[in-house]
Amino acid sequence: MREQAAKIGANGVILDGVTQLSFRRLGTGVGLAVVSGGGVGTSIGSSFSFPTAEVTGTAIYYESDVVKAP
């Protein structure tokens, strides 16, 4: 958001709100089963879950009145 604000000449951002939308999930799984006289079975699984959010804000330009000494 800060980078987008800088593209239009702003030097600050005021956050208006943060909303948690949902959880995104990534998963994978592998399975194998052979049954005929002797049994073989294996399984591998994995899962990741992380939240996603939406942030809204207002880009601002703040001009300081402070003069810096050389």
PDB file of N, CA and C in Angstrom:
ATOM      1  N   MET A   1       0.830  -1.180   0.000  1.00  0.00           N
ATOM      2  CA  MET A   1       0.000   0.000   0.000  1.00  0.00           C
ATOM      3  C   MET A   1       0.881   1.252   0.000  1.00  0.00           C
ATOM      4  N   ARG A   2       1.972   1.182   0.745  1.00  0.00           N
ATOM      5  CA  ARG A   2       2.886   2.324   0.817  1.00  0.00           C
ATOM      6  C   ARG A   2       3.491   2.625  -0.551  1.00  0.00           C
ATOM      7  N   GLU A   3       3.840   1.570  -1.283  1.00  0.00           N
ATOM      8  CA  GLU A   3       4.417   1.757  -2.621  1.00  0.00           C
ATOM      9  C   GLU A   3       3.401   2.369  -3.578  1.00  0.00           C
ATOM     10  N   GLN A   4       2.142   1.940  -3.495  1.00  0.00           N
ATOM     11  CA  GLN A   4       1.096   2.498  -4.348  1.00  0.00           C
ATOM     12  C   GLN A   4       0.868   3.973  -4.016  1.00  0.00           C
ATOM     13  N   ALA A   5       0.896   4.328  -2.746  1.00  0.00           N
ATOM     14  CA  ALA A   5       0.716   5.722  -2.338  1.00  0.00           C
ATOM     15  C   ALA A   5       1.863   6.582  -2.854  1.00  0.00           C
ATOM     16  N   ALA A   6       3.091   6.063  -2.796  1.00  0.00           N
ATOM     17  CA  ALA A   6       4.255   6.818  -3.266  1.00  0.00           C
ATOM     18  C   ALA A   6       4.165   7.092  -4.767  1.00  0.00           C
ATOM     19  N   LYS A   7       3.542   6.216  -5.530  1.00  0.00           N
ATOM     20  CA  LYS A   7       3.401   6.419  -6.978  1.00  0.00           C
ATOM     21  C   LYS A   7       2.564   7.645  -7.310  1.00  0.00           C
ATOM     22  N   ILE A   8       1.676   8.045  -6.403  1.00  0.00           N
ATOM     23  CA  ILE A   8       0.856   9.230  -6.657  1.00  0.00           C
ATOM     24  C   ILE A   8       1.347  10.444  -5.866  1.00  0.00           C
ATOM     25  N   GLY A   9       2.553  10.359  -5.294  1.00  0.00           N
ATOM     26  CA  GLY A   9       3.162  11.492  -4.615  1.00  0.00           C
ATOM     27  C   GLY A   9       2.890  11.587  -3.126  1.00  0.00           C
ATOM     28  N   ALA A  10       2.243  10.611  -2.563  1.00  0.00           N
ATOM     29  CA  ALA A  10       1.958  10.630  -1.123  1.00  0.00           C
ATOM     30  C   ALA A  10       3.202  10.204  -0.345  1.00  0.00           C
ATOM     31  N   ASN A  11       3.314  10.692   0.889  1.00  0.00           N
ATOM     32  CA  ASN A  11       4.429  10.279   1.735  1.00  0.00           C
ATOM     33  C   ASN A  11       3.943   9.624   3.032  1.00  0.00           C
ATOM     34  N   GLY A  12       2.663   9.261   3.055  1.00  0.00           N
ATOM     35  CA  GLY A  12       2.109   8.578   4.221  1.00  0.00           C
ATOM     36  C   GLY A  12       0.813   7.872   3.872  1.00  0.00           C
ATOM     37  N   VAL A  13       0.413   6.958   4.737  1.00  0.00           N
ATOM     38  CA  VAL A  13      -0.832   6.214   4.563  1.00  0.00           C
ATOM     39  C   VAL A  13      -1.529   6.134   5.907  1.00  0.00           C
ATOM     40  N   ILE A  14      -2.811   6.436   5.924  1.00  0.00           N
ATOM     41  CA  ILE A  14      -3.630   6.259   7.120  1.00  0.00           C
ATOM     42  C   ILE A  14      -4.482   5.017   6.884  1.00  0.00           C
ATOM     43  N   LEU A  15      -4.316   4.010   7.760  1.00  0.00           N
ATOM     44  CA  LEU A  15      -5.086   2.780   7.613  1.00  0.00           C
ATOM     45  C   LEU A  15      -6.520   3.017   8.055  1.00  0.00           C
ATOM     46  N   ASP A  16      -7.448   2.648   7.179  1.00  0.00           N
ATOM     47  CA  ASP A  16      -8.869   2.803   7.481  1.00  0.00           C
ATOM     48  C   ASP A  16      -9.473   1.535   8.064  1.00  0.00           C
ATOM     49  N   GLY A  17      -8.966   0.391   7.659  1.00  0.00           N
ATOM     50  CA  GLY A  17      -9.539  -0.846   8.168  1.00  0.00           C
ATOM     51  C   GLY A  17      -8.779  -2.074   7.713  1.00  0.00           C
ATOM     52  N   VAL A  18      -8.879  -3.118   8.506  1.00  0.00           N
ATOM     53  CA  VAL A  18      -8.296  -4.416   8.177  1.00  0.00           C
ATOM     54  C   VAL A  18      -9.389  -5.452   8.391  1.00  0.00           C
ATOM     55  N   THR A  19      -9.665  -6.243   7.361  1.00  0.00           N
ATOM     56  CA  THR A  19     -10.707  -7.253   7.433  1.00  0.00           C
ATOM     57  C   THR A  19     -10.118  -8.612   7.104  1.00  0.00           C
ATOM     58  N   GLN A  20     -10.313  -9.577   7.996  1.00  0.00           N
ATOM     59  CA  GLN A  20      -9.868 -10.936   7.694  1.00  0.00           C
ATOM     60  C   GLN A  20     -10.918 -11.567   6.795  1.00  0.00           C
ATOM     61  N   LEU A  21     -10.481 -12.030   5.620  1.00  0.00           N
ATOM     62  CA  LEU A  21     -11.410 -12.567   4.644  1.00  0.00           C
ATOM     63  C   LEU A  21     -11.685 -14.052   4.865  1.00  0.00           C
ATOM     64  N   SER A  22     -10.662 -14.847   4.850  1.00  0.00           N
ATOM     65  CA  SER A  22     -10.839 -16.287   5.008  1.00  0.00           C
ATOM     66  C   SER A  22      -9.469 -16.928   5.154  1.00  0.00           C
ATOM     67  N   PHE A  23      -9.481 -18.219   5.263  1.00  0.00           N
ATOM     68  CA  PHE A  23      -8.238 -18.971   5.290  1.00  0.00           C
ATOM     69  C   PHE A  23      -8.043 -19.626   3.935  1.00  0.00           C
ATOM     70  N   ARG A  24      -6.852 -19.509   3.398  1.00  0.00           N
ATOM     71  CA  ARG A  24      -6.517 -20.214   2.166  1.00  0.00           C
ATOM     72  C   ARG A  24      -5.798 -21.492   2.556  1.00  0.00           C
ATOM     73  N   ARG A  25      -6.097 -22.542   1.848  1.00  0.00           N
ATOM     74  CA  ARG A  25      -5.500 -23.827   2.170  1.00  0.00           C
ATOM     75  C   ARG A  25      -4.780 -24.395   0.965  1.00  0.00           C
ATOM     76  N   LEU A  26      -3.651 -24.965   1.231  1.00  0.00           N
ATOM     77  CA  LEU A  26      -2.898 -25.695   0.225  1.00  0.00           C
ATOM     78  C   LEU A  26      -2.762 -27.129   0.735  1.00  0.00           C
ATOM     79  N   GLY A  27      -2.929 -28.091  -0.123  1.00  0.00           N
ATOM     80  CA  GLY A  27      -2.821 -29.463   0.335  1.00  0.00           C
ATOM     81  C   GLY A  27      -2.353 -30.374  -0.784  1.00  0.00           C
ATOM     82  N   THR A  28      -1.828 -31.496  -0.398  1.00  0.00           N
ATOM     83  CA  THR A  28      -1.406 -32.506  -1.356  1.00  0.00           C
ATOM     84  C   THR A  28      -1.527 -33.868  -0.703  1.00  0.00           C
ATOM     85  N   GLY A  29      -1.634 -34.903  -1.492  1.00  0.00           N
ATOM     86  CA  GLY A  29      -1.734 -36.242  -0.935  1.00  0.00           C
ATOM     87  C   GLY A  29      -1.366 -37.291  -1.970  1.00  0.00           C
ATOM     88  N   VAL A  30      -0.750 -38.341  -1.529  1.00  0.00           N
ATOM     89  CA  VAL A  30      -0.366 -39.451  -2.395  1.00  0.00           C
ATOM     90  C   VAL A  30      -0.723 -40.736  -1.659  1.00  0.00           C
ATOM     91  N   GLY A  31      -1.293 -41.698  -2.358  1.00  0.00           N
ATOM     92  CA  GLY A  31      -1.623 -42.967  -1.724  1.00  0.00           C
ATOM     93  C   GLY A  31      -1.380 -44.120  -2.683  1.00  0.00           C
ATOM     94  N   LEU A  32      -1.039 -45.267  -2.151  1.00  0.00           N
ATOM     95  CA  LEU A  32      -0.784 -46.456  -2.956  1.00  0.00           C
ATOM     96  C   LEU A  32      -1.235 -47.668  -2.168  1.00  0.00           C
ATOM     97  N   ALA A  33      -1.955 -48.580  -2.815  1.00  0.00           N
ATOM     98  CA  ALA A  33      -2.380 -49.809  -2.157  1.00  0.00           C
ATOM     99  C   ALA A  33      -2.352 -50.936  -3.174  1.00  0.00           C
ATOM    100  N   VAL A  34      -1.690 -52.010  -2.828  1.00  0.00           N
ATOM    101  CA  VAL A  34      -1.648 -53.207  -3.669  1.00  0.00           C
ATOM    102  C   VAL A  34      -2.070 -54.379  -2.798  1.00  0.00           C
ATOM    103  N   VAL A  35      -3.138 -55.045  -3.183  1.00  0.00           N
ATOM    104  CA  VAL A  35      -3.640 -56.151  -2.390  1.00  0.00           C
ATOM    105  C   VAL A  35      -3.903 -57.335  -3.324  1.00  0.00           C
ATOM    106  N   SER A  36      -3.119 -58.355  -3.194  1.00  0.00           N
ATOM    107  CA  SER A  36      -3.339 -59.605  -3.913  1.00  0.00           C
ATOM    108  C   SER A  36      -2.329 -60.616  -3.399  1.00  0.00           C
ATOM    109  N   GLY A  37      -2.709 -61.313  -2.389  1.00  0.00           N
ATOM    110  CA  GLY A  37      -1.805 -62.288  -1.791  1.00  0.00           C
ATOM    111  C   GLY A  37      -0.969 -61.696  -0.672  1.00  0.00           C
ATOM    112  N   GLY A  38      -0.448 -60.537  -0.846  1.00  0.00           N
ATOM    113  CA  GLY A  38       0.317 -59.822   0.187  1.00  0.00           C
ATOM    114  C   GLY A  38      -0.051 -58.357   0.063  1.00  0.00           C
ATOM    115  N   GLY A  39      -0.166 -57.667   1.144  1.00  0.00           N
ATOM    116  CA  GLY A  39      -0.641 -56.287   1.096  1.00  0.00           C
ATOM    117  C   GLY A  39       0.488 -55.280   1.199  1.00  0.00           C
ATOM    118  N   VAL A  40       0.394 -54.246   0.413  1.00  0.00           N
ATOM    119  CA  VAL A  40       1.338 -53.127   0.479  1.00  0.00           C
ATOM    120  C   VAL A  40       0.507 -51.847   0.530  1.00  0.00           C
ATOM    121  N   GLY A  41       0.842 -50.954   1.387  1.00  0.00           N
ATOM    122  CA  GLY A  41       0.121 -49.690   1.458  1.00  0.00           C
ATOM    123  C   GLY A  41       1.030 -48.577   1.917  1.00  0.00           C
ATOM    124  N   THR A  42       0.846 -47.420   1.363  1.00  0.00           N
ATOM    125  CA  THR A  42       1.619 -46.257   1.781  1.00  0.00           C
ATOM    126  C   THR A  42       0.781 -45.004   1.570  1.00  0.00           C
ATOM    127  N   SER A  43       1.101 -43.954   2.271  1.00  0.00           N
ATOM    128  CA  SER A  43       0.356 -42.707   2.149  1.00  0.00           C
ATOM    129  C   SER A  43       1.241 -41.547   2.582  1.00  0.00           C
ATOM    130  N   ILE A  44       1.161 -40.466   1.858  1.00  0.00           N
ATOM    131  CA  ILE A  44       1.875 -39.234   2.203  1.00  0.00           C
ATOM    132  C   ILE A  44       0.874 -38.088   2.102  1.00  0.00           C
ATOM    133  N   GLY A  45       0.849 -37.207   3.070  1.00  0.00           N
ATOM    134  CA  GLY A  45      -0.084 -36.088   3.027  1.00  0.00           C
ATOM    135  C   GLY A  45       0.521 -34.837   3.634  1.00  0.00           C
ATOM    136  N   SER A  46       0.023 -33.698   3.194  1.00  0.00           N
ATOM    137  CA  SER A  46       0.513 -32.425   3.711  1.00  0.00           C
ATOM    138  C   SER A  46      -0.587 -31.393   3.558  1.00  0.00           C
ATOM    139  N   SER A  47      -0.631 -30.424   4.453  1.00  0.00           N
ATOM    140  CA  SER A  47      -1.633 -29.369   4.370  1.00  0.00           C
ATOM    141  C   SER A  47      -1.099 -28.117   5.051  1.00  0.00           C
ATOM    142  N   PHE A  48      -1.360 -26.972   4.454  1.00  0.00           N
ATOM    143  CA  PHE A  48      -0.978 -25.682   5.019  1.00  0.00           C
ATOM    144  C   PHE A  48      -2.196 -24.765   4.987  1.00  0.00           C
ATOM    145  N   SER A  49      -2.335 -23.942   5.995  1.00  0.00           N
ATOM    146  CA  SER A  49      -3.453 -23.024   6.067  1.00  0.00           C
ATOM    147  C   SER A  49      -2.945 -21.677   6.574  1.00  0.00           C
ATOM    148  N   PHE A  50      -3.330 -20.592   5.888  1.00  0.00           N
ATOM    149  CA  PHE A  50      -2.914 -19.266   6.326  1.00  0.00           C
ATOM    150  C   PHE A  50      -4.026 -18.268   6.041  1.00  0.00           C
ATOM    151  N   PRO A  51      -4.190 -17.269   6.901  1.00  0.00           N
ATOM    152  CA  PRO A  51      -5.275 -16.305   6.721  1.00  0.00           C
ATOM    153  C   PRO A  51      -4.962 -15.275   5.638  1.00  0.00           C
ATOM    154  N   THR A  52      -5.997 -14.753   5.022  1.00  0.00           N
ATOM    155  CA  THR A  52      -5.851 -13.650   4.073  1.00  0.00           C
ATOM    156  C   THR A  52      -6.608 -12.448   4.636  1.00  0.00           C
ATOM    157  N   ALA A  53      -6.156 -11.275   4.298  1.00  0.00           N
ATOM    158  CA  ALA A  53      -6.786 -10.071   4.833  1.00  0.00           C
ATOM    159  C   ALA A  53      -6.869  -9.004   3.747  1.00  0.00           C
ATOM    160  N   GLU A  54      -7.788  -8.083   3.936  1.00  0.00           N
ATOM    161  CA  GLU A  54      -7.933  -6.930   3.059  1.00  0.00           C
ATOM    162  C   GLU A  54      -7.678  -5.683   3.896  1.00  0.00           C
ATOM    163  N   VAL A  55      -6.793  -4.830   3.405  1.00  0.00           N
ATOM    164  CA  VAL A  55      -6.445  -3.606   4.117  1.00  0.00           C
ATOM    165  C   VAL A  55      -6.858  -2.423   3.262  1.00  0.00           C
ATOM    166  N   THR A  56      -7.540  -1.458   3.863  1.00  0.00           N
ATOM    167  CA  THR A  56      -7.909  -0.237   3.151  1.00  0.00           C
ATOM    168  C   THR A  56      -7.251   0.944   3.839  1.00  0.00           C
ATOM    169  N   GLY A  57      -6.935   1.954   3.049  1.00  0.00           N
ATOM    170  CA  GLY A  57      -6.269   3.116   3.614  1.00  0.00           C
ATOM    171  C   GLY A  57      -6.403   4.335   2.727  1.00  0.00           C
ATOM    172  N   THR A  58      -5.945   5.452   3.242  1.00  0.00           N
ATOM    173  CA  THR A  58      -5.975   6.720   2.527  1.00  0.00           C
ATOM    174  C   THR A  58      -4.556   7.237   2.383  1.00  0.00           C
ATOM    175  N   ALA A  59      -4.164   7.523   1.138  1.00  0.00           N
ATOM    176  CA  ALA A  59      -2.838   8.077   0.883  1.00  0.00           C
ATOM    177  C   ALA A  59      -2.859   9.565   1.240  1.00  0.00           C
ATOM    178  N   ILE A  60      -1.814  10.032   1.933  1.00  0.00           N
ATOM    179  CA  ILE A  60      -1.739  11.442   2.326  1.00  0.00           C
ATOM    180  C   ILE A  60      -0.368  12.011   1.969  1.00  0.00           C
ATOM    181  N   TYR A  61      -0.308  13.331   1.882  1.00  0.00           N
ATOM    182  CA  TYR A  61       0.965  14.030   1.745  1.00  0.00           C
ATOM    183  C   TYR A  61       1.071  14.965   2.930  1.00  0.00           C
ATOM    184  N   TYR A  62       2.140  14.811   3.718  1.00  0.00           N
ATOM    185  CA  TYR A  62       2.333  15.621   4.906  1.00  0.00           C
ATOM    186  C   TYR A  62       3.558  16.484   4.698  1.00  0.00           C
ATOM    187  N   GLU A  63       3.380  17.800   4.810  1.00  0.00           N
ATOM    188  CA  GLU A  63       4.493  18.724   4.664  1.00  0.00           C
ATOM    189  C   GLU A  63       4.887  19.217   6.048  1.00  0.00           C
ATOM    190  N   SER A  64       6.113  18.972   6.425  1.00  0.00           N
ATOM    191  CA  SER A  64       6.588  19.347   7.740  1.00  0.00           C
ATOM    192  C   SER A  64       6.970  20.822   7.774  1.00  0.00           C
ATOM    193  N   ASP A  65       6.669  21.481   8.906  1.00  0.00           N
ATOM    194  CA  ASP A  65       7.039  22.881   9.116  1.00  0.00           C
ATOM    195  C   ASP A  65       8.420  23.014   9.726  1.00  0.00           C
ATOM    196  N   VAL A  66       9.026  21.914  10.090  1.00  0.00           N
ATOM    197  CA  VAL A  66      10.332  21.922  10.754  1.00  0.00           C
ATOM    198  C   VAL A  66      11.410  22.156   9.701  1.00  0.00           C
ATOM    199  N   VAL A  67      12.291  23.128   9.995  1.00  0.00           N
ATOM    200  CA  VAL A  67      13.420  23.413   9.113  1.00  0.00           C
ATOM    201  C   VAL A  67      14.647  22.789   9.723  1.00  0.00           C
ATOM    202  N   LYS A  68      15.330  21.966   8.958  1.00  0.00           N
ATOM    203  CA  LYS A  68      16.527  21.314   9.461  1.00  0.00           C
ATOM    204  C   LYS A  68      17.735  22.210   9.270  1.00  0.00           C
ATOM    205  N   ALA A  69      18.588  22.248  10.302  1.00  0.00           N
ATOM    206  CA  ALA A  69      19.807  23.038  10.229  1.00  0.00           C
ATOM    207  C   ALA A  69      20.815  22.331   9.323  1.00  0.00           C
ATOM    208  N   PRO A  70      21.601  23.109   8.577  1.00  0.00           N
ATOM    209  CA  PRO A  70      22.585  22.500   7.673  1.00  0.00           C
ATOM    210  C   PRO A  70      23.700  21.783   8.388  1.00  0.00           C
TER     211      PRO A  70
END
